[in-house]
Amino acid sequence: MLRIAIVALLTLEIVLLSALALSPANATSSDFENYIWSFADVGTHQVVCKKIVMHPEKQLHSGESRRQVVKMSSTSTVVSDSYCASSTKPDAGS
């Protein structure tokens, strides 16, 4: 029983020291970027590499609730195929 209590206290100490000693990461941008294979345009069979950027826009929910609601918008740009080299390119079909 004493052994379990000592292990629990040591685990708690490690968790608290980690939480208090390590500083959180400082994000330089709130935008999320990702590279995906996608069709060049609606109705085409050409597959291209696109950079997708998500832009969060914080909005405060009006009314009784004070929860924060985040509105997302996105933009996509065709980029060099080298950005999507790590992912499998889908078959464009015929």
C-alpha atoms as a PDB file:
ATOM      1  CA  MET A   1       0.000   0.000   0.000  1.00  0.00           C
ATOM      2  CA  LEU A   2       2.826   2.386   0.848  1.00  0.00           C
ATOM      3  CA  ARG A   3       4.523   1.554  -2.449  1.00  0.00           C
ATOM      4  CA  ILE A   4       1.373   2.519  -4.401  1.00  0.00           C
ATOM      5  CA  ALA A   5       1.106   5.822  -2.528  1.00  0.00           C
ATOM      6  CA  ILE A   6       4.762   6.668  -3.230  1.00  0.00           C
ATOM      7  CA  VAL A   7       4.406   5.840  -6.939  1.00  0.00           C
ATOM      8  CA  ALA A   8       1.223   7.935  -7.134  1.00  0.00           C
ATOM      9  CA  LEU A   9       2.906  10.919  -5.455  1.00  0.00           C
ATOM     10  CA  LEU A  10       5.948  10.675  -7.735  1.00  0.00           C
ATOM     11  CA  THR A  11       3.702  10.512 -10.798  1.00  0.00           C
ATOM     12  CA  LEU A  12       1.752  13.534  -9.594  1.00  0.00           C
ATOM     13  CA  GLU A  13       4.998  15.418  -8.989  1.00  0.00           C
ATOM     14  CA  ILE A  14       6.246  14.695 -12.514  1.00  0.00           C
ATOM     15  CA  VAL A  15       2.948  15.811 -14.044  1.00  0.00           C
ATOM     16  CA  LEU A  16       2.847  19.040 -12.030  1.00  0.00           C
ATOM     17  CA  LEU A  17       6.490  19.885 -12.735  1.00  0.00           C
ATOM     18  CA  SER A  18       5.978  19.282 -16.443  1.00  0.00           C
ATOM     19  CA  ALA A  19       2.850  21.425 -16.532  1.00  0.00           C
ATOM     20  CA  LEU A  20       4.392  24.307 -14.602  1.00  0.00           C
ATOM     21  CA  ALA A  21       7.959  24.239 -15.946  1.00  0.00           C
ATOM     22  CA  LEU A  22       7.298  23.830 -19.664  1.00  0.00           C
ATOM     23  CA  SER A  23       5.994  26.889 -21.463  1.00  0.00           C
ATOM     24  CA  PRO A  24       3.266  26.444 -24.075  1.00  0.00           C
ATOM     25  CA  ALA A  25       4.105  26.761 -27.751  1.00  0.00           C
ATOM     26  CA  ASN A  26       3.734  30.257 -29.168  1.00  0.00           C
ATOM     27  CA  ALA A  27       1.750  30.091 -32.384  1.00  0.00           C
ATOM     28  CA  THR A  28       2.807  32.680 -34.954  1.00  0.00           C
ATOM     29  CA  SER A  29      -0.318  32.272 -37.056  1.00  0.00           C
ATOM     30  CA  SER A  30      -3.814  31.056 -36.361  1.00  0.00           C
ATOM     31  CA  ASP A  31      -4.211  29.844 -39.963  1.00  0.00           C
ATOM     32  CA  PHE A  32      -4.040  26.100 -40.661  1.00  0.00           C
ATOM     33  CA  GLU A  33      -2.282  25.028 -43.879  1.00  0.00           C
ATOM     34  CA  ASN A  34      -2.479  21.647 -45.564  1.00  0.00           C
ATOM     35  CA  TYR A  35      -1.474  20.256 -48.970  1.00  0.00           C
ATOM     36  CA  ILE A  36      -3.813  17.827 -50.718  1.00  0.00           C
ATOM     37  CA  TRP A  37      -4.371  16.255 -54.119  1.00  0.00           C
ATOM     38  CA  SER A  38      -7.591  17.583 -55.616  1.00  0.00           C
ATOM     39  CA  PHE A  39      -9.281  18.107 -58.958  1.00  0.00           C
ATOM     40  CA  ALA A  40      -8.189  21.271 -60.751  1.00  0.00           C
ATOM     41  CA  ASP A  41     -11.756  22.465 -61.266  1.00  0.00           C
ATOM     42  CA  VAL A  42     -15.317  21.231 -61.079  1.00  0.00           C
ATOM     43  CA  GLY A  43     -16.027  18.807 -63.926  1.00  0.00           C
ATOM     44  CA  THR A  44     -12.375  18.142 -64.811  1.00  0.00           C
ATOM     45  CA  HIS A  45     -10.379  14.953 -64.376  1.00  0.00           C
ATOM     46  CA  GLN A  46      -7.017  16.692 -63.942  1.00  0.00           C
ATOM     47  CA  VAL A  47      -5.575  16.109 -60.448  1.00  0.00           C
ATOM     48  CA  VAL A  48      -3.330  18.872 -59.036  1.00  0.00           C
ATOM     49  CA  CYS A  49      -1.670  19.643 -55.713  1.00  0.00           C
ATOM     50  CA  LYS A  50      -3.525  22.332 -53.774  1.00  0.00           C
ATOM     51  CA  LYS A  51      -2.588  24.331 -50.707  1.00  0.00           C
ATOM     52  CA  ILE A  52      -5.637  24.657 -48.454  1.00  0.00           C
ATOM     53  CA  VAL A  53      -5.537  27.448 -45.851  1.00  0.00           C
ATOM     54  CA  MET A  54      -8.200  27.606 -43.131  1.00  0.00           C
ATOM     55  CA  HIS A  55      -8.837  31.070 -41.671  1.00  0.00           C
ATOM     56  CA  PRO A  56     -10.580  31.000 -38.280  1.00  0.00           C
ATOM     57  CA  GLU A  57     -12.560  34.100 -37.376  1.00  0.00           C
ATOM     58  CA  LYS A  58     -13.612  34.203 -33.711  1.00  0.00           C
ATOM     59  CA  GLN A  59     -17.090  35.443 -33.021  1.00  0.00           C
ATOM     60  CA  LEU A  60     -18.843  35.750 -29.692  1.00  0.00           C
ATOM     61  CA  HIS A  61     -22.170  33.959 -29.631  1.00  0.00           C
ATOM     62  CA  SER A  62     -24.954  36.356 -28.787  1.00  0.00           C
ATOM     63  CA  GLY A  63     -27.716  35.483 -26.385  1.00  0.00           C
ATOM     64  CA  GLU A  64     -27.774  33.740 -23.027  1.00  0.00           C
ATOM     65  CA  SER A  65     -24.759  31.534 -23.750  1.00  0.00           C
ATOM     66  CA  ARG A  66     -21.304  33.138 -23.617  1.00  0.00           C
ATOM     67  CA  ARG A  67     -19.631  30.318 -25.554  1.00  0.00           C
ATOM     68  CA  GLN A  68     -17.139  31.311 -28.212  1.00  0.00           C
ATOM     69  CA  VAL A  69     -18.112  30.276 -31.724  1.00  0.00           C
ATOM     70  CA  VAL A  70     -15.468  30.092 -34.453  1.00  0.00           C
ATOM     71  CA  LYS A  71     -16.394  30.765 -38.072  1.00  0.00           C
ATOM     72  CA  MET A  72     -14.041  29.124 -40.595  1.00  0.00           C
ATOM     73  CA  SER A  73     -13.305  30.184 -44.156  1.00  0.00           C
ATOM     74  CA  SER A  74     -10.786  28.631 -46.509  1.00  0.00           C
ATOM     75  CA  THR A  75      -8.807  29.387 -49.637  1.00  0.00           C
ATOM     76  CA  SER A  76      -7.137  26.968 -52.042  1.00  0.00           C
ATOM     77  CA  THR A  77      -4.270  27.585 -54.439  1.00  0.00           C
ATOM     78  CA  VAL A  78      -2.695  25.245 -56.999  1.00  0.00           C
ATOM     79  CA  VAL A  79       0.968  24.674 -56.072  1.00  0.00           C
ATOM     80  CA  SER A  80       3.872  22.545 -57.269  1.00  0.00           C
ATOM     81  CA  ASP A  81       3.367  18.762 -57.092  1.00  0.00           C
ATOM     82  CA  SER A  82       6.431  18.536 -54.831  1.00  0.00           C
ATOM     83  CA  TYR A  83       4.358  19.816 -51.877  1.00  0.00           C
ATOM     84  CA  CYS A  84       2.070  16.752 -52.112  1.00  0.00           C
ATOM     85  CA  ALA A  85       4.897  14.271 -52.757  1.00  0.00           C
ATOM     86  CA  SER A  86       4.434  12.573 -49.372  1.00  0.00           C
ATOM     87  CA  SER A  87       0.788  11.694 -50.024  1.00  0.00           C
ATOM     88  CA  THR A  88      -0.607   9.213 -52.531  1.00  0.00           C
ATOM     89  CA  LYS A  89      -1.915  10.800 -55.710  1.00  0.00           C
ATOM     90  CA  PRO A  90      -5.448   9.565 -56.504  1.00  0.00           C
ATOM     91  CA  ASP A  91      -6.367   8.129 -59.875  1.00  0.00           C
ATOM     92  CA  ALA A  92      -7.991  10.805 -62.043  1.00  0.00           C
ATOM     93  CA  GLY A  93     -10.266   8.248 -63.709  1.00  0.00           C
ATOM     94  CA  SER A  94     -11.370   8.479 -67.304  1.00  0.00           C
END
